[in-house]
Amino acid sequence: QVRLVESGGGLVQAGGSLRLSCVVSAGTSFGYAMAWFRPAPGKEREFVAFINWSLGSPYYADSLKGRFTISRDSAKNTAYLNMNSLKPEDTAVYYCAARSWTGTTEVTSYPYWGQGTQVTVSS
C-alpha cells in the first residue's frame, strides 16, 4: 500500500514563494512517478508537474514552467514542489499523486493520492 502525505501549504502574498512536500510511504519508491495536481475551473484537477523517481526527470504544465520546480529526495522518500512568483490564481488545494513507472499528465492514471494541502495567495 502506498501512502502520500503532503505538507507545506499556507498563506503567502502575491510574488512570494512556498515549498510543498510529499512524503511517500511504500515498499520502495524506486520506479514510481510523483506528480502534483490542483483543481481548476472546468476540471476536477489539472496537472501541475511530475517527476520520474529513478531518473529525477521532471515535466511541467506549460503554463507553470519557469515558476514551479519539482524535485525529489530519494533518501527521504519525499517529492517537493517549489513555487515562486506566486499569483492569486495559484490559490488551490495541491494534491500529490503517485503511480508506477513513468509519469503522465492524466489525473486518472494515478491510483495513489494524498489528502491535499491548501495554498492561498493574497493580492
Protein backbone atom coordinates (compact mmCIF):
# COMPACT_ATOMS: atom_id res chain seq x y z
CA GLN A 1 0.00 0.00 0.00
CA VAL A 2 1.28 3.44 -0.94
CA ARG A 3 0.57 6.36 1.37
CA LEU A 4 1.21 10.00 0.50
CA VAL A 5 1.27 12.87 2.97
CA GLU A 6 1.55 16.47 1.80
CA SER A 7 2.64 19.48 3.81
CA GLY A 8 3.93 22.99 3.31
CA GLY A 9 0.83 24.83 2.23
CA GLY A 10 -0.13 28.17 3.73
CA LEU A 11 -0.92 31.81 3.13
CA VAL A 12 1.52 33.90 1.11
CA GLN A 13 1.40 37.27 -0.59
CA ALA A 14 1.48 37.56 -4.35
CA GLY A 15 5.04 37.34 -5.59
CA GLY A 16 6.07 35.14 -2.71
CA SER A 17 7.24 31.53 -2.61
CA LEU A 18 6.24 28.27 -0.98
CA ARG A 19 7.65 24.77 -0.96
CA LEU A 20 5.29 21.83 -0.78
CA SER A 21 6.45 18.41 0.37
CA CYS A 22 5.02 14.96 -0.26
CA VAL A 23 6.32 12.03 1.72
CA VAL A 24 5.68 8.65 0.15
CA SER A 25 5.46 5.50 2.27
CA ALA A 26 5.75 2.35 0.23
CA GLY A 27 7.75 -0.83 -0.01
CA THR A 28 10.07 1.09 -2.28
CA SER A 29 9.88 4.40 -4.06
CA PHE A 30 12.03 3.17 -6.90
CA GLY A 31 10.13 3.02 -10.16
CA TYR A 32 7.39 5.44 -9.11
CA ALA A 33 6.48 8.75 -10.64
CA MET A 34 5.26 11.54 -8.38
CA ALA A 35 3.03 14.32 -9.55
CA TRP A 36 1.22 17.40 -8.33
CA PHE A 37 -2.28 18.40 -9.34
CA ARG A 38 -4.66 21.18 -8.35
CA PRO A 39 -8.34 21.90 -9.05
CA ALA A 40 -9.11 24.24 -11.92
CA PRO A 41 -12.27 25.71 -13.45
CA GLY A 42 -13.94 23.11 -15.61
CA LYS A 43 -11.65 20.33 -14.41
CA GLU A 44 -11.62 18.17 -11.37
CA ARG A 45 -7.86 18.54 -11.13
CA GLU A 46 -5.32 19.99 -13.52
CA PHE A 47 -1.80 18.75 -13.99
CA VAL A 48 0.98 20.82 -12.44
CA ALA A 49 4.17 18.72 -12.70
CA PHE A 50 5.55 15.20 -12.39
CA ILE A 51 8.93 13.69 -11.73
CA ASN A 52 10.14 10.22 -12.66
CA TRP A 53 11.65 8.96 -9.43
CA SER A 54 14.52 6.84 -10.69
CA LEU A 55 15.89 9.38 -13.20
CA GLY A 56 14.71 12.52 -11.45
CA SER A 57 13.44 13.80 -14.77
CA PRO A 58 10.74 16.49 -14.42
CA TYR A 59 7.88 17.56 -16.65
CA TYR A 60 5.71 20.64 -16.24
CA ALA A 61 2.46 22.12 -17.36
CA ASP A 62 3.39 24.73 -19.96
CA SER A 63 1.59 27.49 -18.11
CA LEU A 64 3.63 26.90 -14.95
CA LYS A 65 7.04 26.26 -16.44
CA GLY A 66 9.61 28.68 -15.08
CA ARG A 67 7.76 29.42 -11.84
CA PHE A 68 7.33 25.93 -10.39
CA THR A 69 10.06 23.35 -9.86
CA ILE A 70 9.54 19.72 -8.90
CA SER A 71 12.29 17.68 -7.30
CA ARG A 72 12.76 14.63 -5.12
CA ASP A 73 15.00 13.43 -2.32
CA SER A 74 15.30 9.67 -2.61
CA ALA A 75 16.86 9.31 0.83
CA LYS A 76 13.81 10.96 2.41
CA ASN A 77 11.24 9.43 0.04
CA THR A 78 9.98 12.96 -0.49
CA ALA A 79 8.93 14.93 -3.52
CA TYR A 80 8.92 18.72 -3.47
CA LEU A 81 7.17 21.44 -5.39
CA ASN A 82 8.90 24.80 -5.20
CA MET A 83 6.54 27.57 -6.22
CA ASN A 84 7.89 31.03 -6.96
CA SER A 85 6.34 34.29 -8.10
CA LEU A 86 3.01 33.09 -6.80
CA LYS A 87 -0.18 34.67 -8.12
CA PRO A 88 -3.67 34.81 -6.61
CA GLU A 89 -4.82 32.41 -9.32
CA ASP A 90 -2.43 29.80 -7.91
CA THR A 91 -4.69 29.58 -4.87
CA ALA A 92 -5.88 25.96 -4.61
CA VAL A 93 -5.57 22.72 -2.74
CA TYR A 94 -2.49 20.98 -4.12
CA TYR A 95 -2.58 17.21 -4.30
CA CYS A 96 0.33 14.83 -4.54
CA ALA A 97 -0.15 11.65 -6.56
CA ALA A 98 1.90 8.57 -7.41
CA ARG A 99 1.86 5.83 -10.00
CA SER A 100 4.13 3.03 -11.12
CA TRP A 101 6.60 3.58 -13.94
CA THR A 102 6.80 6.87 -15.78
CA GLY A 103 4.73 9.94 -15.11
CA THR A 104 1.81 11.18 -17.14
CA THR A 105 -0.30 14.33 -17.19
CA GLU A 106 -3.55 12.37 -16.88
CA VAL A 107 -5.16 12.58 -13.47
CA THR A 108 -6.96 9.27 -13.91
CA SER A 109 -3.68 7.39 -14.38
CA TYR A 110 -2.63 7.96 -10.77
CA PRO A 111 -4.03 5.43 -8.28
CA TYR A 112 -2.45 6.90 -5.16
CA TRP A 113 -3.30 10.30 -3.73
CA GLY A 114 -2.56 12.42 -0.71
CA GLN A 115 -5.09 14.42 1.23
CA GLY A 116 -4.05 17.77 -0.22
CA THR A 117 -2.52 20.91 1.20
CA GLN A 118 -4.08 24.36 0.89
CA VAL A 119 -2.17 27.18 -0.78
CA THR A 120 -3.65 30.66 -0.56
CA VAL A 121 -2.08 33.60 -2.36
CA SER A 122 -3.30 37.05 -1.35
CA SER A 123 -3.20 40.01 -3.68
